[in-house]
Amino acid sequence: MLKQITVGEKELNLLANAATPIRYKMVFGNDIMVEFNQLNNGKKDGGEMLEITTQLAYIMNRQADCDKRELAALSKDSYVEWLEDFGPMDFVNASEAIINTYLGTTGTSSKPKKAAG
């Protein structure tokens, strides 16, 4: 899923695909689905959730904006460099949009069709 979201004053392209969890684990050493399960089960707190969603945004943004050679060079150092373009609280309001992009969910204003009677 490709989506554009606002983080702070910046528009970010995010791309979630089958490679996203693999790249996340390669760069950050953790399984994103295990992280989500721990969040859902209360084993991680809000600060950890913000860190996870910020890291996930980094991976998805780089997937949307970089070529394959650049993707192979993703690292914790390049993550920190990427973060330097944002304010300390910019990802707080964007967390839900980041997670929804990864999970492939979006809000909708459409109404369900009535069942045929």
Protein backbone atom coordinates (compact mmCIF):
# COMPACT_ATOMS: atom_id res chain seq x y z
CA MET A 1 0.00 0.00 0.00
CA LEU A 2 1.33 3.42 -0.97
CA LYS A 3 0.10 6.39 1.02
CA GLN A 4 1.14 9.96 1.72
CA ILE A 5 0.88 11.20 5.31
CA THR A 6 1.83 14.37 7.13
CA VAL A 7 4.45 14.16 9.87
CA GLY A 8 5.04 17.51 11.51
CA GLU A 9 5.23 19.93 8.60
CA LYS A 10 6.51 17.34 6.13
CA GLU A 11 4.65 15.15 3.64
CA LEU A 12 5.99 11.57 3.63
CA ASN A 13 5.36 8.84 1.10
CA LEU A 14 5.01 5.45 2.80
CA LEU A 15 5.08 2.13 0.99
CA ALA A 16 4.13 -1.07 2.80
CA ASN A 17 4.79 -4.35 1.04
CA ALA A 18 5.93 -7.90 1.75
CA ALA A 19 9.54 -6.73 2.17
CA THR A 20 8.66 -4.26 4.94
CA PRO A 21 8.89 -6.68 7.91
CA ILE A 22 12.11 -8.16 6.53
CA ARG A 23 13.75 -4.74 6.15
CA TYR A 24 12.48 -3.72 9.59
CA LYS A 25 14.13 -6.79 11.13
CA MET A 26 17.35 -6.29 9.13
CA VAL A 27 17.74 -2.70 10.35
CA PHE A 28 16.29 -2.84 13.86
CA GLY A 29 16.73 -6.52 14.76
CA ASN A 30 13.11 -7.07 15.80
CA ASP A 31 10.09 -8.79 14.26
CA ILE A 32 7.45 -6.11 13.64
CA MET A 33 4.55 -8.52 14.23
CA VAL A 34 5.99 -9.60 17.60
CA GLU A 35 6.33 -5.90 18.45
CA PHE A 36 2.67 -5.26 17.53
CA ASN A 37 1.54 -8.27 19.58
CA GLN A 38 3.49 -7.02 22.61
CA LEU A 39 1.89 -3.59 22.21
CA ASN A 40 -1.58 -5.13 22.00
CA ASN A 41 -0.94 -7.29 25.07
CA GLY A 42 0.30 -4.36 27.16
CA LYS A 43 3.89 -5.63 27.27
CA LYS A 44 5.19 -2.39 25.76
CA ASP A 45 4.32 1.16 26.76
CA GLY A 46 3.44 4.30 24.81
CA GLY A 47 7.05 5.39 24.45
CA GLU A 48 7.97 2.04 22.95
CA MET A 49 4.96 2.28 20.62
CA LEU A 50 6.17 5.66 19.39
CA GLU A 51 9.65 4.25 18.76
CA ILE A 52 8.24 1.27 16.83
CA THR A 53 5.95 3.41 14.67
CA THR A 54 8.75 5.90 13.97
CA GLN A 55 11.08 3.07 12.91
CA LEU A 56 8.32 1.59 10.76
CA ALA A 57 7.72 4.98 9.12
CA TYR A 58 11.43 5.17 8.29
CA ILE A 59 11.41 1.76 6.58
CA MET A 60 8.22 2.49 4.62
CA ASN A 61 9.38 5.98 3.63
CA ARG A 62 12.70 4.69 2.34
CA GLN A 63 10.88 1.93 0.41
CA ALA A 64 8.72 4.59 -1.25
CA ASP A 65 11.52 7.04 -2.05
CA CYS A 66 14.74 5.04 -2.60
CA ASP A 67 16.09 2.74 -5.26
CA LYS A 68 17.06 -0.85 -4.45
CA ARG A 69 20.74 -0.02 -3.96
CA GLU A 70 19.88 2.63 -1.37
CA LEU A 71 17.48 0.23 0.37
CA ALA A 72 20.31 -2.26 0.81
CA ALA A 73 22.26 0.40 2.73
CA LEU A 74 19.57 1.15 5.34
CA SER A 75 20.96 1.18 8.86
CA LYS A 76 20.40 2.58 12.33
CA ASP A 77 22.82 5.39 11.43
CA SER A 78 20.80 6.36 8.33
CA TYR A 79 17.65 6.18 10.50
CA VAL A 80 19.11 8.72 12.93
CA GLU A 81 20.11 10.97 10.02
CA TRP A 82 16.56 10.71 8.64
CA LEU A 83 15.12 11.67 12.05
CA GLU A 84 17.11 14.91 12.08
CA ASP A 85 14.53 16.41 9.69
CA PHE A 86 11.73 16.10 12.26
CA GLY A 87 10.77 17.67 15.57
CA PRO A 88 10.74 15.63 18.78
CA MET A 89 6.94 15.25 18.83
CA ASP A 90 6.19 15.05 15.09
CA PHE A 91 5.47 11.32 15.06
CA VAL A 92 3.03 11.38 17.98
CA ASN A 93 0.09 12.57 15.87
CA ALA A 94 1.10 10.45 12.86
CA SER A 95 1.36 7.08 14.64
CA GLU A 96 -2.14 5.90 13.74
CA ALA A 97 -1.67 6.75 10.04
CA ILE A 98 1.68 4.93 10.01
CA ILE A 99 0.24 1.76 11.53
CA ASN A 100 -2.83 1.88 9.27
CA THR A 101 -0.60 2.20 6.22
CA TYR A 102 1.43 -0.83 7.25
CA LEU A 103 -1.66 -2.91 8.00
CA GLY A 104 -3.33 -1.78 4.78
CA THR A 105 -6.28 -0.22 6.52
CA THR A 106 -7.84 3.10 5.75
CA GLY A 107 -10.84 4.91 7.05
CA THR A 108 -13.81 4.96 4.73
CA SER A 109 -16.90 7.05 4.43
CA SER A 110 -18.72 4.52 2.26
CA LYS A 111 -21.75 2.76 3.65
CA PRO A 112 -22.25 -0.99 3.43
CA LYS A 113 -24.73 -2.17 0.81
CA LYS A 114 -28.04 -3.47 2.06
CA ALA A 115 -28.47 -7.19 1.94
CA ALA A 116 -30.71 -8.41 -0.84
CA GLY A 117 -34.09 -9.27 0.60
